[in-house]
Amino acid sequence: MRNEALVGYLLHQRPYQEKRALYYLFSQQHGVIHGVGKKGAPLFMPLQLFATGKRDLKTFTQINIASQDSLQQNILKKDSSQEETYQTGIVVEDDAATILEPIPYENINGQHQYSALYLNEILWRLLPTEDPMPTLWLHYQDSLRQLRQPMTANELRLCLRQFEQHLFNELGFTLTLTHDSMQDAITPNCLYRFLPDVGLVAVSHSAAESEHLESTTGQTVFGGSDIIQMANTGITDTTLNSWSKLHRHLIDHLLDYQPLQSRLLWQQQQRYQ
């Protein structure tokens, strides 16, 4: 690409030389793109920029916070080869990346920041590079919009579980909850363990023994009645705990059981409250 206009959200950054940073950008046009630009780009804000480069690491220039009008126009705009210059009311005086102000959005504050950091971390660690995912990009944008609003603890968890489900679908992981690994129908009185590479496997343990099985083997165990309710109602207040347990196990598997820094930060914050 050469001086291609992109819209996206910054997922992660690392220092790169004295005044520059290595950015992981989740772009609407090309999915996750790695690039180098001037330090100072904010998290959780829609950014407009230009990207140049044929290799994996691009050069990002003229990084601006997108106005709400221009962002909406970009979402509605179909495929176009015409290069666009973004107007935000402030002139960029050089080719270095520049963050424009004032910021036209309320940022994510308080404990919701930990949730937003979590979304960012699972995206930059799990998504392939330069693989367009415009539908997931819109779901991510909507999740950030929700995180800017006051939410109850359950509403926050619902927001995260719903986004995780969109991510799994995009990565090709479809959770089958109507049949076990042997293609037998889920029965309400049976217990099942969840193995990410296999699916739901029936086990002949009592409910009391299921807790011991989980703690000693690390396998996630569900009651058949809970699974049937999950399949029938989706992610709701009543099934939220079961979905949270299932999603956590799958994400840990996808990350090869490497710890999430955002999760550790959240746990530390809860410990000191």
Protein backbone atom coordinates (compact mmCIF):
# COMPACT_ATOMS: atom_id res chain seq x y z
CA MET A 1 0.00 0.00 0.00
CA ARG A 2 1.12 3.55 -0.67
CA ASN A 3 -0.29 6.45 1.32
CA GLU A 4 -3.54 4.55 1.80
CA ALA A 5 -6.18 6.17 4.01
CA LEU A 6 -7.25 3.93 6.90
CA VAL A 7 -9.73 4.12 9.76
CA GLY A 8 -9.07 2.03 12.84
CA TYR A 9 -8.52 1.62 16.56
CA LEU A 10 -5.20 1.22 18.32
CA LEU A 11 -4.99 -2.16 20.07
CA HIS A 12 -1.44 -2.14 21.41
CA GLN A 13 1.76 -0.15 21.21
CA ARG A 14 5.42 -0.53 22.08
CA PRO A 15 8.27 2.01 22.15
CA TYR A 16 10.22 2.23 18.90
CA GLN A 17 13.13 4.63 18.85
CA GLU A 18 13.00 7.88 20.82
CA LYS A 19 9.94 9.59 19.38
CA ARG A 20 8.14 6.78 17.63
CA ALA A 21 6.06 3.75 18.57
CA LEU A 22 5.20 0.39 17.06
CA TYR A 23 1.44 0.30 16.67
CA TYR A 24 -0.98 -2.59 16.30
CA LEU A 25 -3.97 -1.04 14.53
CA PHE A 26 -7.32 -2.77 14.04
CA SER A 27 -8.35 -1.17 10.77
CA GLN A 28 -11.74 -1.28 9.12
CA GLN A 29 -10.17 -1.94 5.71
CA HIS A 30 -7.45 -4.54 6.35
CA GLY A 31 -7.92 -5.93 9.85
CA VAL A 32 -4.88 -5.80 12.14
CA ILE A 33 -1.96 -3.86 10.66
CA HIS A 34 1.45 -3.28 12.23
CA GLY A 35 3.05 0.09 11.68
CA VAL A 36 5.45 2.68 13.03
CA GLY A 37 4.36 6.24 13.78
CA LYS A 38 4.94 9.16 16.10
CA LYS A 39 4.24 8.47 19.76
CA GLY A 40 1.00 9.69 21.30
CA ALA A 41 -1.86 7.85 19.60
CA PRO A 42 -4.69 7.23 22.11
CA LEU A 43 -6.44 3.97 22.90
CA PHE A 44 -10.18 3.43 22.39
CA MET A 45 -10.50 6.35 19.94
CA PRO A 46 -11.28 6.00 16.20
CA LEU A 47 -8.21 7.08 14.28
CA GLN A 48 -7.69 8.25 10.72
CA LEU A 49 -4.24 7.86 9.22
CA PHE A 50 -2.25 7.09 6.10
CA ALA A 51 -0.24 3.86 5.74
CA THR A 52 2.63 3.16 3.38
CA GLY A 53 4.71 0.01 2.89
CA LYS A 54 4.88 -3.32 1.08
CA ARG A 55 6.16 -5.38 4.01
CA ASP A 56 4.50 -6.39 7.28
CA LEU A 57 5.62 -3.24 9.10
CA LYS A 58 4.04 -0.12 7.59
CA THR A 59 4.75 3.56 8.14
CA PHE A 60 1.82 5.46 9.68
CA THR A 61 1.56 9.21 9.08
CA GLN A 62 -0.97 11.97 9.79
CA ILE A 63 -2.65 10.10 12.64
CA ASN A 64 -5.81 12.03 13.55
CA ILE A 65 -8.71 11.34 15.86
CA ALA A 66 -11.66 10.82 13.55
CA SER A 67 -14.58 13.19 13.75
CA GLN A 68 -17.91 11.46 14.25
CA ASP A 69 -19.19 12.69 10.88
CA SER A 70 -16.20 11.42 8.93
CA LEU A 71 -16.29 8.09 10.79
CA GLN A 72 -19.94 7.57 9.89
CA GLN A 73 -19.22 8.43 6.26
CA ASN A 74 -16.39 5.89 6.20
CA ILE A 75 -18.64 3.14 7.56
CA LEU A 76 -21.30 3.81 4.93
CA LYS A 77 -18.83 4.23 2.09
CA LYS A 78 -18.50 1.26 -0.28
CA ASP A 79 -15.27 0.12 -1.93
CA SER A 80 -13.46 3.10 -3.39
CA SER A 81 -10.02 3.47 -4.91
CA GLN A 82 -10.06 7.24 -4.56
CA GLU A 83 -7.66 8.55 -1.95
CA GLU A 84 -9.35 10.76 0.63
CA THR A 85 -7.90 13.55 2.73
CA TYR A 86 -9.59 13.82 6.11
CA GLN A 87 -10.65 17.21 7.35
CA THR A 88 -10.91 17.78 11.10
CA GLY A 89 -10.60 21.54 11.31
CA ILE A 90 -6.94 21.55 12.36
CA VAL A 91 -4.09 21.66 9.88
CA VAL A 92 -1.37 18.99 10.01
CA GLU A 93 1.81 20.95 9.46
CA ASP A 94 4.19 18.09 8.68
CA ASP A 95 4.27 14.45 7.65
CA ALA A 96 4.83 13.17 11.17
CA ALA A 97 1.93 11.51 12.94
CA THR A 98 -0.05 14.15 14.79
CA ILE A 99 -2.83 13.72 17.33
CA LEU A 100 -5.54 16.32 16.82
CA GLU A 101 -7.60 17.93 19.54
CA PRO A 102 -10.15 18.53 20.85
CA ILE A 103 -11.20 14.90 21.22
CA PRO A 104 -14.80 14.58 19.92
CA TYR A 105 -15.57 11.52 22.06
CA GLU A 106 -15.91 10.70 25.73
CA ASN A 107 -13.15 8.28 26.65
CA ILE A 108 -13.63 5.06 28.60
CA ASN A 109 -13.13 5.63 32.30
CA GLY A 110 -12.95 3.75 35.57
CA GLN A 111 -13.22 -0.02 35.72
CA HIS A 112 -14.54 -0.16 32.17
CA GLN A 113 -10.99 0.56 31.02
CA TYR A 114 -9.94 -2.91 32.17
CA SER A 115 -12.65 -4.45 30.00
CA ALA A 116 -11.61 -2.36 27.00
CA LEU A 117 -7.97 -3.37 27.54
CA TYR A 118 -9.13 -6.99 27.64
CA LEU A 119 -10.89 -6.65 24.28
CA ASN A 120 -7.78 -5.06 22.81
CA GLU A 121 -5.50 -7.78 24.13
CA ILE A 122 -7.48 -10.74 22.83
CA LEU A 123 -7.73 -9.05 19.43
CA TRP A 124 -4.05 -8.28 18.93
CA ARG A 125 -3.01 -11.66 20.28
CA LEU A 126 -5.53 -13.78 18.35
CA LEU A 127 -6.24 -12.03 15.05
CA PRO A 128 -4.06 -12.73 12.00
CA THR A 129 -2.27 -9.81 10.36
CA GLU A 130 -3.86 -8.02 7.39
CA ASP A 131 -6.98 -10.20 7.28
CA PRO A 132 -10.01 -7.89 6.76
CA MET A 133 -12.77 -8.40 9.33
CA PRO A 134 -15.19 -5.50 8.79
CA THR A 135 -18.07 -7.15 10.67
CA LEU A 136 -15.94 -7.83 13.75
CA TRP A 137 -14.60 -4.28 13.49
CA LEU A 138 -18.14 -2.92 13.78
CA HIS A 139 -18.85 -5.18 16.76
CA TYR A 140 -15.69 -3.91 18.44
CA GLN A 141 -16.71 -0.33 17.79
CA ASP A 142 -20.15 -1.01 19.27
CA SER A 143 -18.58 -2.65 22.34
CA LEU A 144 -16.47 0.46 22.96
CA ARG A 145 -19.61 2.58 22.63
CA GLN A 146 -21.29 0.46 25.32
CA LEU A 147 -18.24 0.72 27.58
CA ARG A 148 -18.52 4.51 27.48
CA GLN A 149 -21.92 4.25 29.17
CA PRO A 150 -22.81 3.43 32.80
CA MET A 151 -23.31 -0.33 33.11
CA THR A 152 -24.16 -2.79 35.85
CA ALA A 153 -21.75 -5.65 36.53
CA ASN A 154 -23.99 -8.06 34.59
CA GLU A 155 -24.36 -5.68 31.65
CA LEU A 156 -20.59 -5.38 31.48
CA ARG A 157 -20.16 -9.16 31.46
CA LEU A 158 -22.85 -9.53 28.81
CA CYS A 159 -21.05 -6.99 26.63
CA LEU A 160 -17.78 -8.94 26.87
CA ARG A 161 -19.34 -12.37 26.31
CA GLN A 162 -21.24 -11.15 23.24
CA PHE A 163 -18.09 -9.70 21.72
CA GLU A 164 -16.16 -12.90 22.46
CA GLN A 165 -18.82 -14.86 20.60
CA HIS A 166 -18.41 -12.65 17.53
CA LEU A 167 -14.65 -13.16 17.76
CA PHE A 168 -14.99 -16.95 17.94
CA ASN A 169 -17.27 -16.93 14.91
CA GLU A 170 -14.75 -14.83 12.97
CA LEU A 171 -11.94 -17.22 13.91
CA GLY A 172 -14.01 -20.21 12.79
CA PHE A 173 -14.79 -21.67 16.22
CA THR A 174 -18.45 -22.68 16.28
CA LEU A 175 -19.65 -23.97 19.64
CA THR A 176 -22.08 -26.88 19.21
CA LEU A 177 -24.35 -27.13 22.25
CA THR A 178 -27.07 -29.47 21.02
CA HIS A 179 -24.95 -32.65 20.69
CA ASP A 180 -21.88 -34.07 22.37
CA SER A 181 -18.68 -35.23 20.70
CA MET A 182 -20.29 -38.59 19.84
CA GLN A 183 -23.21 -36.77 18.13
CA ASP A 184 -25.61 -37.85 20.87
CA ALA A 185 -28.19 -35.28 21.95
CA ILE A 186 -27.41 -33.40 25.16
CA THR A 187 -29.50 -34.82 28.02
CA PRO A 188 -30.45 -32.72 31.05
CA ASN A 189 -29.35 -35.19 33.72
CA CYS A 190 -25.89 -35.88 32.33
CA LEU A 191 -22.65 -34.04 33.05
CA TYR A 192 -20.31 -32.92 30.28
CA ARG A 193 -16.74 -31.72 30.19
CA PHE A 194 -15.69 -29.24 27.54
CA LEU A 195 -12.54 -29.97 25.52
CA PRO A 196 -11.79 -27.19 22.99
CA ASP A 197 -10.47 -29.55 20.30
CA VAL A 198 -13.21 -32.14 20.82
CA GLY A 199 -16.36 -30.49 22.13
CA LEU A 200 -18.67 -31.68 24.89
CA VAL A 201 -17.79 -35.11 26.27
CA ALA A 202 -20.26 -36.96 28.51
CA VAL A 203 -18.90 -37.96 31.94
CA SER A 204 -20.51 -40.26 34.51
CA HIS A 205 -19.76 -38.22 37.59
CA SER A 206 -22.09 -36.74 40.17
CA ALA A 207 -22.49 -32.98 40.55
CA ALA A 208 -20.25 -33.04 43.64
CA GLU A 209 -17.56 -34.96 41.78
CA SER A 210 -17.71 -32.51 38.87
CA GLU A 211 -16.18 -29.74 41.03
CA HIS A 212 -13.34 -32.08 41.98
CA LEU A 213 -12.84 -33.01 38.32
CA GLU A 214 -12.58 -29.35 37.36
CA SER A 215 -10.10 -28.47 40.09
CA THR A 216 -7.81 -31.48 39.55
CA THR A 217 -7.78 -31.69 35.75
CA GLY A 218 -8.51 -28.11 34.67
CA GLN A 219 -11.35 -29.39 32.52
CA THR A 220 -14.58 -27.40 32.40
CA VAL A 221 -17.67 -29.36 33.42
CA PHE A 222 -21.30 -28.42 32.71
CA GLY A 223 -24.67 -29.87 33.61
CA GLY A 224 -26.76 -31.02 30.66
CA SER A 225 -29.69 -28.83 31.72
CA ASP A 226 -27.41 -25.77 31.74
CA ILE A 227 -26.13 -26.57 28.24
CA ILE A 228 -29.67 -26.97 26.90
CA GLN A 229 -30.62 -23.60 28.39
CA MET A 230 -27.52 -22.00 26.81
CA ALA A 231 -28.45 -23.42 23.41
CA ASN A 232 -32.07 -22.28 23.70
CA THR A 233 -31.62 -18.75 25.04
CA GLY A 234 -28.10 -17.71 24.05
CA ILE A 235 -26.17 -15.30 26.25
CA THR A 236 -28.60 -13.91 28.85
CA ASP A 237 -28.56 -13.01 32.53
CA THR A 238 -29.61 -16.54 33.48
CA THR A 239 -26.95 -18.30 31.38
CA LEU A 240 -24.20 -15.72 31.86
CA ASN A 241 -22.15 -17.71 34.39
CA SER A 242 -22.10 -20.80 32.17
CA TRP A 243 -21.13 -18.80 29.08
CA SER A 244 -18.39 -17.01 31.02
CA LYS A 245 -16.91 -20.32 32.11
CA LEU A 246 -17.08 -21.75 28.58
CA HIS A 247 -15.60 -18.65 26.90
CA ARG A 248 -12.76 -18.35 29.40
CA HIS A 249 -11.74 -21.95 28.80
CA LEU A 250 -11.79 -21.49 25.03
CA ILE A 251 -9.82 -18.22 25.11
CA ASP A 252 -7.21 -19.75 27.41
CA HIS A 253 -6.89 -22.62 24.93
CA LEU A 254 -6.51 -20.26 21.97
CA LEU A 255 -3.81 -18.35 23.86
CA ASP A 256 -2.01 -21.61 24.69
CA TYR A 257 -2.74 -20.88 28.36
CA GLN A 258 -0.45 -17.86 28.40
CA PRO A 259 -1.72 -15.23 30.89
CA LEU A 260 -3.60 -12.14 29.80
CA GLN A 261 -2.05 -8.96 31.18
CA SER A 262 -5.42 -7.20 31.22
CA ARG A 263 -6.85 -10.00 33.35
CA LEU A 264 -3.94 -9.75 35.79
CA LEU A 265 -4.42 -5.98 36.06
CA TRP A 266 -8.12 -6.49 36.79
CA GLN A 267 -7.36 -9.06 39.48
CA GLN A 268 -4.83 -6.74 41.12
CA GLN A 269 -7.30 -3.88 41.06
CA GLN A 270 -9.97 -6.05 42.72
CA ARG A 271 -7.49 -7.18 45.38
CA TYR A 272 -6.73 -3.63 46.48
CA GLN A 273 -10.32 -2.35 46.55
